[in-house]
Protein backbone atom coordinates (compact mmCIF):
# COMPACT_ATOMS: atom_id res chain seq x y z
CA MET A 1 -206.68 -200.36 82.12
CA LYS A 2 -204.87 -203.47 83.72
CA THR A 3 -207.09 -206.47 84.73
CA THR A 4 -207.14 -207.46 88.40
CA GLY A 5 -205.32 -210.65 87.65
CA ASN A 6 -202.57 -208.73 85.91
CA ARG A 7 -202.12 -206.20 88.56
CA ARG A 8 -202.19 -208.90 91.27
CA GLY A 9 -199.44 -210.86 89.23
CA LEU A 10 -197.32 -207.64 89.14
CA CYS A 11 -197.77 -207.15 92.92
CA LEU A 12 -196.60 -210.76 93.56
CA VAL A 13 -193.46 -210.26 91.31
CA ALA A 14 -192.93 -207.14 93.14
CA LEU A 15 -193.07 -208.76 96.51
CA ALA A 16 -190.59 -211.43 95.38
CA GLY A 17 -187.99 -208.79 94.32
CA LEU A 18 -188.34 -206.59 97.30
CA ALA A 19 -188.19 -209.57 99.66
CA LEU A 20 -184.36 -209.58 99.11
CA ALA A 21 -184.14 -206.03 99.90
CA GLY A 22 -184.43 -207.45 103.63
CA CYS A 23 -181.01 -208.96 103.35
CA ALA A 24 -179.61 -206.27 104.91
CA SER A 25 -181.77 -205.99 108.46
CA THR A 26 -181.83 -206.69 113.76
CA GLY A 27 -180.31 -208.49 116.73
CA GLU A 28 -183.22 -210.09 118.81
CA LYS A 29 -182.43 -213.24 120.65
CA VAL A 30 -183.54 -216.48 118.69
CA SER A 31 -185.73 -217.61 121.45
CA MET A 32 -187.59 -214.37 121.60
CA GLY A 33 -187.33 -213.30 118.04
CA ASP A 34 -188.36 -216.39 115.91
CA PRO A 35 -190.96 -218.46 117.61
CA TRP A 36 -192.43 -219.30 114.16
CA GLU A 37 -189.38 -220.77 112.98
CA PRO A 38 -190.71 -223.97 111.22
CA TYR A 39 -193.08 -221.64 109.17
CA THR A 40 -190.52 -219.08 108.42
CA ARG A 41 -188.05 -221.62 107.29
CA ARG A 42 -190.54 -223.17 104.80
CA MET A 43 -191.64 -219.66 103.50
CA ASP A 44 -187.90 -218.83 103.07
CA SER A 45 -187.18 -221.86 101.06
CA PHE A 46 -190.32 -221.06 99.02
CA ASN A 47 -189.03 -217.39 98.28
CA ASN A 48 -185.61 -218.65 97.47
CA GLY A 49 -187.06 -220.90 94.89
CA VAL A 50 -188.77 -217.83 93.25
CA ASP A 51 -185.59 -215.91 93.38
CA ARG A 52 -183.46 -218.82 91.83
CA VAL A 53 -186.14 -219.32 88.97
CA LEU A 54 -187.18 -215.70 88.26
CA LEU A 55 -185.60 -212.85 89.71
CA LYS A 56 -181.78 -213.70 89.96
CA PRO A 57 -181.65 -214.69 86.25
CA LEU A 58 -183.25 -211.40 85.50
CA ALA A 59 -181.02 -209.41 87.95
CA LYS A 60 -177.92 -211.05 86.32
CA GLY A 61 -178.90 -210.17 82.86
CA TYR A 62 -179.72 -206.63 83.82
CA LYS A 63 -176.29 -206.24 85.56
CA PHE A 64 -174.40 -207.85 82.52
CA ILE A 65 -176.05 -205.47 79.81
CA THR A 66 -176.09 -202.27 82.02
CA PRO A 67 -172.80 -199.92 82.40
CA ASP A 68 -172.14 -199.01 85.94
CA PRO A 69 -172.95 -195.44 85.38
CA VAL A 70 -176.29 -196.26 84.07
CA GLU A 71 -176.93 -198.70 86.82
CA ARG A 72 -176.07 -195.97 89.49
CA GLY A 73 -178.40 -193.44 87.78
CA VAL A 74 -181.24 -195.86 87.67
CA SER A 75 -180.75 -196.78 91.41
CA ASN A 76 -180.78 -193.11 92.09
CA VAL A 77 -184.08 -192.61 90.37
CA PHE A 78 -185.80 -195.20 92.47
CA SER A 79 -184.28 -193.88 95.70
CA ASN A 80 -185.65 -190.44 94.75
CA LEU A 81 -189.08 -191.99 94.27
CA ARG A 82 -189.01 -193.40 97.69
CA THR A 83 -188.14 -190.08 99.24
CA PRO A 84 -191.87 -189.08 99.98
CA ILE A 85 -191.89 -192.06 102.38
CA SER A 86 -189.08 -190.50 104.36
CA ILE A 87 -190.73 -187.01 104.23
CA VAL A 88 -193.89 -188.35 105.79
CA ASN A 89 -192.28 -190.39 108.38
CA ASN A 90 -189.80 -187.97 109.52
CA LEU A 91 -192.76 -185.58 110.12
CA LEU A 92 -194.49 -188.43 112.02
CA GLN A 93 -191.42 -189.04 114.33
CA GLY A 94 -191.24 -185.30 115.14
CA LYS A 95 -188.19 -184.57 113.06
CA PRO A 96 -189.06 -181.47 111.11
CA THR A 97 -185.41 -180.71 110.10
CA SER A 98 -184.86 -184.17 108.48
CA ALA A 99 -188.38 -183.84 106.72
CA LEU A 100 -187.22 -180.44 105.29
CA SER A 101 -183.86 -181.95 104.26
CA GLU A 102 -185.60 -184.80 102.49
CA THR A 103 -188.06 -182.50 100.93
CA GLY A 104 -185.03 -180.32 99.61
CA ARG A 105 -183.41 -183.52 98.31
CA LEU A 106 -186.67 -184.26 96.34
CA GLY A 107 -186.92 -180.96 94.80
CA VAL A 108 -183.29 -180.62 93.82
CA ASN A 109 -182.73 -184.10 92.59
CA SER A 110 -186.18 -184.05 90.63
CA THR A 111 -185.02 -180.95 88.75
CA ILE A 112 -181.40 -180.34 88.64
CA GLY A 113 -180.75 -183.88 88.93
CA LEU A 114 -182.83 -184.75 86.05
CA ALA A 115 -185.71 -186.81 87.66
CA GLY A 116 -183.25 -188.17 90.29
CA ILE A 117 -180.61 -189.76 87.95
CA PHE A 118 -178.00 -187.53 89.61
CA ASP A 119 -177.81 -186.74 93.22
CA PRO A 120 -176.66 -183.08 93.44
CA ALA A 121 -178.61 -182.66 96.79
CA SER A 122 -175.83 -184.60 98.58
CA ALA A 123 -173.18 -182.29 97.13
CA MET A 124 -175.28 -179.37 98.52
CA GLY A 125 -175.06 -180.98 102.12
CA LEU A 126 -178.62 -182.34 102.01
CA ASP A 127 -177.86 -185.73 103.41
CA LYS A 128 -180.39 -188.55 103.19
CA LYS A 129 -182.64 -189.19 106.13
CA SER A 130 -184.51 -192.30 105.26
CA GLU A 131 -187.32 -193.17 107.45
CA ASP A 132 -190.26 -195.69 106.98
CA PHE A 133 -193.66 -196.51 108.66
CA GLY A 134 -192.18 -199.47 110.38
CA GLN A 135 -189.59 -197.24 111.97
CA THR A 136 -192.16 -194.78 112.87
CA MET A 137 -194.19 -197.50 114.74
CA ALA A 138 -191.15 -198.40 116.56
CA VAL A 139 -190.58 -194.82 117.62
CA TRP A 140 -194.14 -194.67 118.83
CA GLY A 141 -193.60 -197.67 120.94
CA VAL A 142 -195.42 -200.49 118.87
CA PRO A 143 -193.65 -203.88 119.64
CA SER A 144 -191.85 -205.41 116.81
CA GLY A 145 -193.53 -208.78 117.09
CA PRO A 146 -191.77 -212.00 116.21
CA TYR A 147 -189.54 -212.42 113.12
CA PHE A 148 -191.61 -212.91 110.02
CA VAL A 149 -191.00 -214.21 106.48
CA LEU A 150 -193.58 -212.89 104.09
CA PRO A 151 -194.33 -215.00 101.10
CA PHE A 152 -192.62 -213.36 97.95
CA TRP A 153 -191.52 -210.35 100.23
CA GLY A 154 -189.13 -212.06 102.63
CA PRO A 155 -187.59 -211.01 105.94
CA SER A 156 -189.77 -208.91 108.36
CA THR A 157 -191.21 -208.54 111.56
CA VAL A 158 -194.94 -208.13 112.33
CA ARG A 159 -194.65 -204.46 112.97
CA SER A 160 -192.52 -203.94 109.71
CA ALA A 161 -195.01 -206.06 107.66
CA VAL A 162 -197.81 -203.81 108.69
CA GLY A 163 -195.65 -200.78 107.76
CA LEU A 164 -195.41 -202.12 104.14
CA VAL A 165 -198.99 -200.91 103.42
CA PRO A 166 -198.64 -197.23 104.08
CA ASN A 167 -195.12 -197.36 102.61
CA GLN A 168 -196.48 -198.38 99.17
CA LEU A 169 -199.23 -195.92 99.30
CA VAL A 170 -196.98 -192.95 99.78
CA HIS A 171 -194.40 -194.10 97.33
CA GLY A 172 -193.41 -191.71 94.65
CA ARG A 173 -194.48 -193.94 91.76
CA ASN A 174 -198.00 -193.62 92.74
CA PHE A 175 -197.79 -190.00 91.10
CA PHE A 176 -197.72 -191.72 87.62
CA GLU A 177 -200.44 -193.28 85.57
CA THR A 178 -201.01 -197.19 86.12
CA GLY A 179 -199.09 -198.19 82.92
CA VAL A 180 -195.94 -196.35 84.05
CA ARG A 181 -196.37 -197.27 87.58
CA ASP A 182 -196.33 -200.99 86.79
CA LYS A 183 -193.31 -200.56 84.72
CA LEU A 184 -191.54 -198.52 87.52
CA LEU A 185 -192.52 -201.31 89.93
CA ILE A 186 -191.04 -204.14 87.88
CA SER A 187 -187.74 -202.20 87.07
CA GLU A 188 -187.23 -201.36 90.74
CA ILE A 189 -187.65 -205.09 91.64
CA ILE A 190 -184.90 -206.03 89.10
CA THR A 191 -182.44 -203.29 89.92
CA GLY A 192 -182.90 -203.86 93.62
CA ARG A 193 -182.06 -207.64 93.18
CA ALA A 194 -179.15 -206.58 91.06
CA SER A 195 -177.70 -204.44 93.83
CA LEU A 196 -177.77 -207.60 96.06
CA LEU A 197 -175.96 -209.98 93.86
CA ALA A 198 -172.47 -209.36 95.63
CA LEU A 199 -174.10 -210.80 98.88
CA ASP A 200 -175.07 -213.96 97.45
CA GLY A 201 -171.82 -215.78 97.91
CA GLN A 202 -171.60 -214.63 101.49
CA ILE A 203 -175.07 -215.84 102.44
CA ALA A 204 -174.35 -219.27 100.56
CA ALA A 205 -171.05 -219.78 102.44
CA SER A 206 -172.75 -219.18 105.86
CA ASN A 207 -173.23 -222.35 108.02
CA ASP A 208 -177.18 -221.70 107.93
CA PRO A 209 -178.19 -219.10 105.23
CA TYR A 210 -181.58 -218.83 106.91
CA ILE A 211 -180.02 -217.68 110.32
CA PHE A 212 -177.50 -215.52 108.66
CA VAL A 213 -180.21 -213.50 106.74
CA ARG A 214 -182.60 -213.35 109.71
CA GLU A 215 -179.83 -211.99 112.08
CA ALA A 216 -178.51 -209.60 109.35
CA TYR A 217 -182.15 -208.30 108.83
CA LEU A 218 -182.87 -207.88 112.42
CA GLN A 219 -179.70 -206.24 113.36
CA ASN A 220 -179.97 -203.75 110.49
CA ARG A 221 -183.52 -203.01 111.19
CA ASN A 222 -182.55 -202.23 114.97
CA PHE A 223 -179.64 -200.04 113.63
CA VAL A 224 -181.74 -197.86 111.37
CA ILE A 225 -184.67 -197.65 114.11
CA TYR A 226 -182.06 -196.07 116.43
CA ASP A 227 -180.81 -193.74 113.74
CA GLY A 228 -177.28 -195.68 113.84
CA ASN A 229 -177.12 -195.67 117.74
CA PRO A 230 -178.90 -198.89 118.89
CA PRO A 231 -178.99 -199.58 122.80
CA ILE A 232 -176.63 -202.21 123.92
CA VAL A 233 -178.58 -205.37 125.02
CA GLU A 234 -176.81 -207.62 127.44
CA ASP A 235 -176.46 -211.20 126.45
CA GLU A 236 -178.23 -213.65 128.78
CA PHE A 237 -174.95 -215.63 128.99
CA GLU A 238 -172.90 -212.64 129.90
CA ASP A 239 -175.50 -211.52 132.54
CA ASP A 240 -175.20 -215.00 134.28
CA PHE A 241 -171.45 -214.92 133.97
CA ASP A 242 -171.24 -211.62 135.63
CA GLU A 243 -173.56 -212.71 138.34
CA ASP A 244 -171.54 -215.86 139.04
CA LEU A 245 -168.22 -213.70 139.19
CA ASP A 246 -169.76 -211.31 141.53
CA SER A 247 -170.88 -214.07 143.79
CA PHE A 248 -167.38 -215.70 143.51
CA ASP A 249 -165.76 -212.25 144.68
CA ASP A 250 -168.11 -212.11 147.64
CA ASP A 251 -167.17 -215.66 148.66
CA LEU A 252 -163.62 -214.53 148.61
């Protein structure tokens, strides 16, 4: 049995790794979406320091010693373990067909796919239908709240941060005993960070890496919430320009 201190340490390492998974995510206007920017910038700098000292070196080492086919297989395993989250949230969003598809994927990949190492479900037409509790709350009409950088976790919104708790409770690793669960957690962190190494150069080359990551996170989050068809939000400048143009036409 792990001590409370050791388990807390594992959770902190987990949060540090999974923070960078958000480097993919919504497009809310800065004035509306990031009112806590002084705090979020400081927390972002702290998380980057943890990544630079701990996670990035581990991810590089893993990437260097692991053949690509093995790396893909390991990533598939962790994707398979996250499938229960999608099953539950598809049901909560009123998508029974997608929930059945995800259930089929879990059954096929866990058996024929050798615990998820391979993905025969996709070849059988069972496409992935990923959903999480943050997306479910959005579908239910819960406001996103401001952009928020969690310590050790990274980019989020208030709504998505709340959704992290049930996400972790439903995660497939919870079906294993504590010792195995902890090892799976650490391995998932390292492999997840390794998959993002290719983005480091693009982020570093941006004029403001903080804004780059924030906008990428928010845009991607909006994209997945609307299943790839987010509504078009008119820019305030474009609205003002259109109004001025209409007024000019009327004067003519």
